[in-house]
Protein backbone atom coordinates (compact mmCIF):
# COMPACT_ATOMS: atom_id res chain seq x y z
CA ILE A 1 -11.60 11.63 -11.67
CA ARG A 2 -14.07 9.52 -12.84
CA GLY A 3 -15.07 7.31 -15.90
CA ILE A 4 -11.26 6.61 -17.16
CA SER A 5 -10.31 3.63 -18.62
CA PHE A 6 -7.35 2.31 -20.41
CA GLU A 7 -4.99 -0.53 -20.45
CA LEU A 8 -1.23 -0.30 -21.17
CA LYS A 9 1.20 -2.91 -22.32
CA ASP A 10 5.10 -3.07 -22.43
CA GLY A 11 6.49 -0.43 -24.45
CA ASP A 12 3.88 2.07 -23.94
CA LYS A 13 4.67 5.45 -22.76
CA LEU A 14 1.49 7.38 -21.91
CA GLY A 15 1.64 11.31 -22.12
CA ILE A 16 -1.55 12.91 -19.82
CA ILE A 17 -2.45 16.59 -20.47
CA GLY A 18 -5.23 18.80 -19.24
CA HIS A 19 -5.04 22.55 -17.16
CA ASN A 20 -4.22 22.68 -13.95
CA GLY A 21 -6.72 21.14 -11.56
CA ALA A 22 -7.62 18.99 -14.31
CA GLY A 23 -7.26 15.96 -12.43
CA LYS A 24 -3.76 14.61 -13.63
CA THR A 25 -1.90 14.19 -10.52
CA SER A 26 -4.91 12.42 -8.73
CA LEU A 27 -4.77 9.78 -11.55
CA LEU A 28 -1.25 9.55 -11.26
CA LYS A 29 -1.40 8.84 -7.28
CA VAL A 30 -4.12 6.23 -8.10
CA LEU A 31 -2.05 4.67 -10.62
CA ALA A 32 0.74 4.45 -7.91
CA SER A 33 -1.57 3.28 -5.43
CA ILE A 34 -1.48 6.29 -3.21
CA TYR A 35 -4.95 6.80 -3.45
CA PRO A 36 -7.17 3.67 -3.73
CA PRO A 37 -9.80 4.02 -6.02
CA THR A 38 -13.49 4.37 -4.65
CA HIS A 39 -15.15 2.81 -7.93
CA GLY A 40 -13.85 0.94 -10.65
CA THR A 41 -10.78 -1.15 -10.53
CA LEU A 42 -6.89 -0.42 -10.81
CA GLU A 43 -5.07 -3.60 -12.24
CA VAL A 44 -1.22 -3.33 -12.25
CA ASP A 45 1.26 -6.14 -13.21
CA GLY A 46 4.74 -5.11 -12.46
CA HIS A 47 7.07 -3.15 -9.95
CA VAL A 48 5.63 0.55 -9.72
CA GLU A 49 7.97 3.60 -8.53
CA SER A 50 6.34 7.09 -8.56
CA PHE A 51 7.95 10.29 -8.76
CA LEU A 52 5.51 12.90 -7.90
CA ALA A 53 7.08 15.43 -6.19
CA THR A 54 10.33 16.75 -4.75
CA GLY A 55 10.99 17.28 -1.06
CA PHE A 56 9.46 13.75 -0.32
CA GLY A 57 10.30 12.57 2.94
CA LEU A 58 13.30 14.29 3.73
CA GLU A 59 14.26 14.34 7.34
CA SER A 60 15.28 18.45 7.77
CA GLU A 61 17.50 17.88 10.88
CA GLU A 62 19.47 15.33 9.30
CA THR A 63 22.25 15.98 6.75
CA GLY A 64 21.82 15.36 3.03
CA ARG A 65 23.69 12.42 2.84
CA GLU A 66 22.28 10.90 6.03
CA ASN A 67 18.68 11.44 3.89
CA ILE A 68 20.30 9.44 1.08
CA LYS A 69 21.61 6.68 3.30
CA PHE A 70 18.34 6.24 5.29
CA VAL A 71 15.97 5.98 1.93
CA LEU A 72 18.29 3.69 0.23
CA THR A 73 18.27 1.50 3.55
CA MET A 74 14.41 1.79 3.76
CA LEU A 75 14.32 0.19 0.31
CA GLY A 76 16.12 -2.84 1.23
CA LYS A 77 19.50 -2.38 -0.38
CA SER A 78 22.69 -3.98 0.85
CA PRO A 79 25.40 -2.06 2.88
CA GLN A 80 27.67 -2.14 0.19
CA THR A 81 24.74 -0.92 -2.25
CA VAL A 82 24.05 1.74 -0.18
CA LYS A 83 27.41 3.15 0.20
CA GLN A 84 28.00 2.72 -3.57
CA ASP A 85 24.70 4.66 -4.47
CA THR A 86 25.15 7.28 -1.85
CA GLU A 87 28.16 8.45 -3.37
CA GLU A 88 26.35 8.20 -7.28
CA ILE A 89 23.35 10.24 -5.90
CA ALA A 90 25.82 12.53 -3.74
CA ASP A 91 27.97 13.39 -6.76
CA PHE A 92 24.84 13.96 -9.18
CA THR A 93 23.62 16.79 -6.60
CA GLU A 94 26.73 18.60 -7.26
CA LEU A 95 25.63 19.89 -3.54
CA GLY A 96 29.61 18.95 -2.16
CA GLU A 97 30.14 19.92 0.97
CA PHE A 98 26.55 20.96 1.82
CA LEU A 99 25.40 17.43 1.85
CA ASP A 100 27.10 17.13 5.34
CA LEU A 101 24.74 19.95 6.52
CA PRO A 102 20.95 19.60 7.90
CA VAL A 103 18.65 19.89 5.11
CA ARG A 104 16.75 22.84 7.30
CA THR A 105 19.54 24.95 5.91
CA TYR A 106 18.78 24.22 1.95
CA SER A 107 17.32 26.20 -0.10
CA ALA A 108 14.15 24.92 -2.11
CA GLY A 109 16.44 24.48 -5.04
CA MET A 110 18.82 22.47 -3.08
CA ARG A 111 16.33 20.20 -1.42
CA ALA A 112 14.69 19.80 -4.94
CA ARG A 113 18.09 18.45 -6.40
CA LEU A 114 18.76 16.42 -3.52
CA SER A 115 15.16 14.85 -3.59
CA PHE A 116 15.39 14.20 -7.42
CA ALA A 117 18.95 12.48 -7.13
CA ILE A 118 17.12 10.01 -4.68
CA ALA A 119 14.09 9.39 -6.22
CA THR A 120 15.70 8.76 -9.83
CA ASN A 121 18.04 6.05 -8.41
CA ILE A 122 15.53 3.65 -9.40
CA ARG A 123 15.19 0.91 -12.00
CA PRO A 124 11.42 0.64 -12.22
CA GLU A 125 9.34 -1.87 -14.62
CA ILE A 126 6.63 0.80 -14.42
CA LEU A 127 7.33 4.30 -13.74
CA VAL A 128 4.51 7.13 -12.65
CA MET A 129 5.88 10.50 -13.03
CA ASP A 130 4.57 14.31 -12.57
CA GLU A 131 6.33 16.82 -14.53
CA VAL A 132 8.97 17.68 -11.67
CA ILE A 133 12.00 18.32 -13.66
CA GLY A 134 12.35 21.69 -11.84
CA ALA A 135 15.32 21.08 -9.88
CA GLY A 136 17.77 23.92 -9.97
CA ASP A 137 19.17 25.91 -13.09
CA ILE A 138 19.13 25.46 -16.58
CA ARG A 139 22.36 23.40 -16.69
CA PHE A 140 21.06 20.73 -13.90
CA LYS A 141 17.54 20.73 -15.52
CA GLU A 142 19.33 19.69 -18.65
CA LYS A 143 20.90 17.30 -16.70
CA ALA A 144 17.64 15.96 -14.90
CA GLN A 145 15.92 15.38 -18.29
CA GLU A 146 19.14 13.23 -19.31
CA ARG A 147 18.71 11.16 -16.15
CA ILE A 148 14.81 10.75 -16.74
CA GLN A 149 15.57 9.64 -20.38
CA GLU A 150 18.04 7.25 -19.27
CA ILE A 151 15.34 5.54 -16.91
CA ALA A 152 12.81 5.49 -19.48
CA GLU A 153 14.92 3.53 -22.02
CA HIS A 154 14.84 0.83 -19.24
CA THR A 155 11.33 1.14 -18.13
CA LYS A 156 8.82 -1.17 -19.54
CA ILE A 157 5.91 1.29 -19.07
CA ILE A 158 5.56 5.25 -18.32
CA VAL A 159 2.78 7.20 -17.31
CA LEU A 160 3.79 11.13 -17.64
CA ALA A 161 1.61 14.33 -16.71
CA THR A 162 3.19 17.03 -18.53
CA HIS A 163 2.74 20.77 -20.01
CA SER A 164 5.37 20.21 -22.28
CA GLU A 165 4.98 19.76 -25.57
CA GLY A 166 8.36 18.65 -26.07
CA LEU A 167 8.49 15.80 -23.78
CA ILE A 168 4.92 14.29 -24.97
CA LYS A 169 6.04 14.41 -28.42
CA LYS A 170 9.86 13.03 -27.91
CA TRP A 171 8.64 10.30 -25.01
CA CYS A 172 5.14 9.28 -25.53
CA ASN A 173 3.22 6.78 -27.89
CA LYS A 174 -0.18 7.50 -26.39
CA ALA A 175 -1.75 10.24 -24.89
CA ILE A 176 -5.30 11.29 -23.19
CA TRP A 177 -6.67 14.80 -22.43
CA ILE A 178 -8.41 14.89 -18.96
CA GLU A 179 -10.48 17.89 -18.27
CA GLN A 180 -12.62 18.36 -14.65
CA GLY A 181 -11.79 14.79 -14.00
CA LYS A 182 -12.77 12.96 -17.32
CA VAL A 183 -11.15 12.16 -20.28
CA ARG A 184 -11.83 14.93 -22.62
CA ASP A 185 -9.83 13.17 -25.67
CA MET A 186 -7.26 10.67 -26.33
CA GLY A 187 -5.11 9.69 -29.27
CA ALA A 188 -1.31 9.64 -30.79
CA PRO A 189 0.53 12.38 -28.82
CA GLU A 190 1.24 14.94 -31.79
CA GLU A 191 -2.23 15.01 -32.98
CA LEU A 192 -3.92 15.40 -29.53
CA TRP A 193 -1.59 17.88 -28.46
CA GLU A 194 -2.51 20.02 -31.45
CA ARG A 195 -6.19 19.62 -30.73
CA TYR A 196 -5.55 20.64 -26.82
CA LYS A 197 -3.33 23.89 -28.19
CA LYS A 198 -6.56 24.64 -30.57
CA SER A 199 -8.73 24.22 -27.59
CA MET A 200 -6.21 26.52 -25.14
CA ILE A 201 -6.11 29.38 -28.04
CA ALA A 202 -9.67 29.54 -28.13
CA GLY A 203 -10.60 29.40 -24.46
CA LYS A 204 -12.56 26.78 -24.52
């Protein structure tokens, strides 16, 4: 990614669109301080949480429940909060007795549910998120979208990379179209999406 410049303020929800490989996830990783910028500067004022992939940091030999407790403890939560949040996360996953089995026995969908439930047990000021609401069947995806919506309502700034017309129009007030690591266009979400869609249809 190169030559990308923008500023976000409280209340902004930025949608990033573009083809696979355009540089969307790389940009998110820079914003989340996973990748340091090799040129230019990044200035962030506020607590940032990122949700960029499912399956993050899960210990395969530990149970689902033990994984939940470990992550919450690493986040510095008190023993009482860990206990309360563990039950809330466990309930959200709908994995039941599977939570007491090693994660290595889980299907990809079960791992995704567990990861999603842990990662969204957050209340950040700034949320950097890839479009990863693919954790399970249709009903669970709807439940996952409701969870993200709840987080969005209490988050000052959101940066969302997505291929979804519905998400970018519903959630975002600003949008950037990235192509080959550079900004091709930017503007209001609905207008930008229409230009992006016309480009896809034209094959340009």
